[in-house]
Amino acid sequence: MFYVYVLYSHVLQKYYVGSTEDLNKRIIQHNSGRGAFTSKGAPWILIVSLECETRQMAVKKELQIKKRGIKRYLQDNNLT
């Protein structure tokens, strides 16, 4: 199982979207400073996670969210 997830940083007041096979491990990585962008925004809060059967489906959904705009995607789907 793969996941598409949306995080929010109160520090940066920004959203972040990504995909992974191990959601808990990935959130820990974001909050421990293992990323150029996310290291500046810790602590990150999980807003939503979506399950996908394959990595390809997860990447496709991640790109769809990024193209729409994370905040707009969340509002359109009543996820905020």
N, C-alpha and C. Protein backbone atom coordinates (compact mmCIF):
# COMPACT_ATOMS: atom_id res chain seq x y z
N MET A 1 0.84 -1.17 0.00
CA MET A 1 0.00 0.00 0.00
C MET A 1 0.89 1.25 0.00
N PHE A 2 0.47 2.23 -0.75
CA PHE A 2 1.18 3.51 -0.82
C PHE A 2 0.24 4.61 -0.36
N TYR A 3 0.82 5.74 0.02
CA TYR A 3 0.04 6.83 0.57
C TYR A 3 0.42 8.15 -0.08
N VAL A 4 -0.59 8.98 -0.28
CA VAL A 4 -0.39 10.38 -0.62
C VAL A 4 -0.80 11.14 0.64
N TYR A 5 0.01 12.09 1.05
CA TYR A 5 -0.27 12.77 2.31
C TYR A 5 -0.10 14.28 2.15
N VAL A 6 -0.83 14.99 2.99
CA VAL A 6 -0.72 16.45 3.04
C VAL A 6 -0.34 16.82 4.46
N LEU A 7 0.71 17.59 4.58
CA LEU A 7 1.18 18.10 5.87
C LEU A 7 0.97 19.60 5.92
N TYR A 8 0.90 20.14 7.15
CA TYR A 8 0.80 21.58 7.32
C TYR A 8 1.80 22.02 8.38
N SER A 9 2.45 23.15 8.12
CA SER A 9 3.39 23.75 9.07
C SER A 9 2.83 25.08 9.55
N HIS A 10 2.63 25.20 10.86
CA HIS A 10 2.20 26.48 11.43
C HIS A 10 3.35 27.49 11.36
N VAL A 11 4.57 27.00 11.43
CA VAL A 11 5.75 27.87 11.37
C VAL A 11 5.80 28.61 10.03
N LEU A 12 5.65 27.86 8.94
CA LEU A 12 5.71 28.44 7.59
C LEU A 12 4.35 28.87 7.07
N GLN A 13 3.29 28.38 7.71
CA GLN A 13 1.92 28.57 7.24
C GLN A 13 1.78 28.10 5.80
N LYS A 14 2.29 26.88 5.56
CA LYS A 14 2.28 26.28 4.23
C LYS A 14 1.92 24.81 4.32
N TYR A 15 1.40 24.33 3.19
CA TYR A 15 1.10 22.91 3.04
C TYR A 15 2.21 22.23 2.25
N TYR A 16 2.30 20.91 2.43
CA TYR A 16 3.26 20.10 1.69
C TYR A 16 2.56 18.81 1.32
N VAL A 17 2.73 18.36 0.09
CA VAL A 17 2.15 17.09 -0.34
C VAL A 17 3.27 16.17 -0.80
N GLY A 18 3.12 14.88 -0.49
CA GLY A 18 4.10 13.90 -0.89
C GLY A 18 3.47 12.53 -0.98
N SER A 19 4.26 11.54 -1.38
CA SER A 19 3.79 10.16 -1.43
C SER A 19 4.87 9.25 -0.88
N THR A 20 4.44 8.13 -0.30
CA THR A 20 5.37 7.23 0.35
C THR A 20 4.74 5.85 0.55
N GLU A 21 5.59 4.89 0.85
CA GLU A 21 5.09 3.56 1.20
C GLU A 21 4.96 3.40 2.71
N ASP A 22 5.73 4.16 3.47
CA ASP A 22 5.70 4.08 4.94
C ASP A 22 5.40 5.47 5.50
N LEU A 23 4.13 5.73 5.74
CA LEU A 23 3.69 7.07 6.13
C LEU A 23 4.29 7.53 7.45
N ASN A 24 4.26 6.69 8.47
CA ASN A 24 4.80 7.09 9.78
C ASN A 24 6.28 7.44 9.70
N LYS A 25 7.04 6.61 9.01
CA LYS A 25 8.48 6.86 8.86
C LYS A 25 8.72 8.18 8.12
N ARG A 26 7.92 8.43 7.10
CA ARG A 26 8.12 9.64 6.29
C ARG A 26 7.81 10.90 7.09
N ILE A 27 6.78 10.88 7.91
CA ILE A 27 6.44 12.04 8.74
C ILE A 27 7.56 12.31 9.75
N ILE A 28 8.09 11.25 10.33
CA ILE A 28 9.22 11.39 11.26
C ILE A 28 10.41 12.03 10.54
N GLN A 29 10.68 11.60 9.31
CA GLN A 29 11.78 12.19 8.54
C GLN A 29 11.56 13.68 8.30
N HIS A 30 10.33 14.05 7.93
CA HIS A 30 10.04 15.47 7.71
C HIS A 30 10.27 16.28 8.99
N ASN A 31 9.84 15.76 10.11
CA ASN A 31 9.94 16.50 11.37
C ASN A 31 11.34 16.45 11.98
N SER A 32 12.21 15.61 11.45
CA SER A 32 13.57 15.56 11.98
C SER A 32 14.55 16.35 11.11
N GLY A 33 14.04 17.07 10.11
CA GLY A 33 14.88 17.94 9.31
C GLY A 33 15.57 17.28 8.14
N ARG A 34 15.00 16.20 7.60
CA ARG A 34 15.61 15.48 6.48
C ARG A 34 15.04 15.91 5.14
N GLY A 35 14.99 17.16 4.89
CA GLY A 35 14.50 17.65 3.60
C GLY A 35 14.78 19.13 3.49
N ALA A 36 15.13 19.58 2.31
CA ALA A 36 15.48 20.98 2.12
C ALA A 36 14.33 21.91 2.50
N PHE A 37 13.14 21.61 2.02
CA PHE A 37 11.99 22.47 2.28
C PHE A 37 11.39 22.19 3.65
N THR A 38 11.15 20.93 3.95
CA THR A 38 10.42 20.61 5.18
C THR A 38 11.23 20.81 6.45
N SER A 39 12.54 20.87 6.36
CA SER A 39 13.36 21.05 7.56
C SER A 39 13.09 22.40 8.22
N LYS A 40 12.67 23.37 7.45
CA LYS A 40 12.43 24.72 7.97
C LYS A 40 11.06 24.86 8.64
N GLY A 41 10.17 23.88 8.43
CA GLY A 41 8.80 24.04 8.89
C GLY A 41 8.37 23.15 10.03
N ALA A 42 9.28 22.39 10.59
CA ALA A 42 8.91 21.46 11.66
C ALA A 42 8.35 22.22 12.86
N PRO A 43 7.38 21.69 13.52
CA PRO A 43 6.76 20.38 13.32
C PRO A 43 5.66 20.43 12.26
N TRP A 44 5.61 19.37 11.46
CA TRP A 44 4.59 19.22 10.43
C TRP A 44 3.45 18.39 10.99
N ILE A 45 2.23 18.78 10.64
CA ILE A 45 1.03 18.10 11.12
C ILE A 45 0.37 17.41 9.94
N LEU A 46 0.01 16.16 10.11
CA LEU A 46 -0.67 15.42 9.06
C LEU A 46 -2.11 15.92 8.95
N ILE A 47 -2.47 16.40 7.76
CA ILE A 47 -3.83 16.90 7.51
C ILE A 47 -4.70 15.79 6.94
N VAL A 48 -4.17 15.09 5.95
CA VAL A 48 -4.93 14.02 5.31
C VAL A 48 -3.96 13.02 4.69
N SER A 49 -4.39 11.76 4.66
CA SER A 49 -3.62 10.74 3.93
C SER A 49 -4.61 9.92 3.11
N LEU A 50 -4.20 9.59 1.90
CA LEU A 50 -5.03 8.83 0.98
C LEU A 50 -4.29 7.55 0.61
N GLU A 51 -4.98 6.42 0.68
CA GLU A 51 -4.36 5.14 0.33
C GLU A 51 -4.45 4.90 -1.17
N CYS A 52 -3.39 4.35 -1.72
CA CYS A 52 -3.33 3.99 -3.14
C CYS A 52 -2.76 2.58 -3.24
N GLU A 53 -3.23 1.83 -4.22
CA GLU A 53 -2.78 0.44 -4.36
C GLU A 53 -1.36 0.33 -4.91
N THR A 54 -0.95 1.27 -5.76
CA THR A 54 0.37 1.19 -6.38
C THR A 54 1.09 2.53 -6.24
N ARG A 55 2.42 2.46 -6.39
CA ARG A 55 3.22 3.69 -6.37
C ARG A 55 2.80 4.61 -7.51
N GLN A 56 2.53 4.03 -8.67
CA GLN A 56 2.13 4.83 -9.82
C GLN A 56 0.85 5.61 -9.53
N MET A 57 -0.12 4.99 -8.87
CA MET A 57 -1.37 5.68 -8.53
C MET A 57 -1.11 6.80 -7.52
N ALA A 58 -0.21 6.54 -6.57
CA ALA A 58 0.11 7.54 -5.56
C ALA A 58 0.79 8.75 -6.18
N VAL A 59 1.74 8.52 -7.05
CA VAL A 59 2.45 9.62 -7.72
C VAL A 59 1.49 10.42 -8.59
N LYS A 60 0.60 9.73 -9.27
CA LYS A 60 -0.38 10.41 -10.12
C LYS A 60 -1.29 11.31 -9.27
N LYS A 61 -1.75 10.81 -8.13
CA LYS A 61 -2.61 11.60 -7.24
C LYS A 61 -1.84 12.78 -6.65
N GLU A 62 -0.59 12.55 -6.27
CA GLU A 62 0.25 13.64 -5.74
C GLU A 62 0.39 14.76 -6.77
N LEU A 63 0.66 14.41 -8.00
CA LEU A 63 0.81 15.42 -9.06
C LEU A 63 -0.51 16.14 -9.33
N GLN A 64 -1.62 15.40 -9.24
CA GLN A 64 -2.93 16.00 -9.43
C GLN A 64 -3.19 17.06 -8.35
N ILE A 65 -2.84 16.74 -7.12
CA ILE A 65 -3.03 17.68 -6.02
C ILE A 65 -2.14 18.91 -6.21
N LYS A 66 -0.89 18.69 -6.57
CA LYS A 66 0.04 19.80 -6.79
C LYS A 66 -0.43 20.70 -7.92
N LYS A 67 -0.93 20.10 -8.98
CA LYS A 67 -1.40 20.87 -10.13
C LYS A 67 -2.61 21.73 -9.75
N ARG A 68 -3.51 21.17 -8.97
CA ARG A 68 -4.70 21.90 -8.55
C ARG A 68 -4.35 22.98 -7.53
N GLY A 69 -3.33 22.73 -6.75
CA GLY A 69 -2.98 23.60 -5.62
C GLY A 69 -3.45 22.90 -4.36
N ILE A 70 -2.56 22.73 -3.41
CA ILE A 70 -2.88 21.92 -2.24
C ILE A 70 -4.07 22.51 -1.47
N LYS A 71 -4.01 23.79 -1.19
CA LYS A 71 -5.07 24.43 -0.41
C LYS A 71 -6.40 24.34 -1.14
N ARG A 72 -6.40 24.58 -2.44
CA ARG A 72 -7.62 24.51 -3.23
C ARG A 72 -8.15 23.08 -3.27
N TYR A 73 -7.26 22.11 -3.42
CA TYR A 73 -7.67 20.70 -3.42
C TYR A 73 -8.36 20.35 -2.09
N LEU A 74 -7.78 20.76 -0.99
CA LEU A 74 -8.36 20.48 0.32
C LEU A 74 -9.74 21.13 0.46
N GLN A 75 -9.85 22.38 0.02
CA GLN A 75 -11.14 23.08 0.10
C GLN A 75 -12.18 22.43 -0.80
N ASP A 76 -11.80 22.08 -2.02
CA ASP A 76 -12.74 21.45 -2.96
C ASP A 76 -13.28 20.13 -2.44
N ASN A 77 -12.49 19.42 -1.66
CA ASN A 77 -12.87 18.10 -1.15
C ASN A 77 -13.27 18.13 0.32
N ASN A 78 -13.50 19.34 0.85
CA ASN A 78 -13.93 19.51 2.26
C ASN A 78 -13.01 18.78 3.23
N LEU A 79 -11.71 18.93 3.04
CA LEU A 79 -10.72 18.25 3.88
C LEU A 79 -10.03 19.20 4.85
N THR A 80 -10.44 20.46 4.88
CA THR A 80 -9.81 21.40 5.82
C THR A 80 -10.70 21.69 6.98
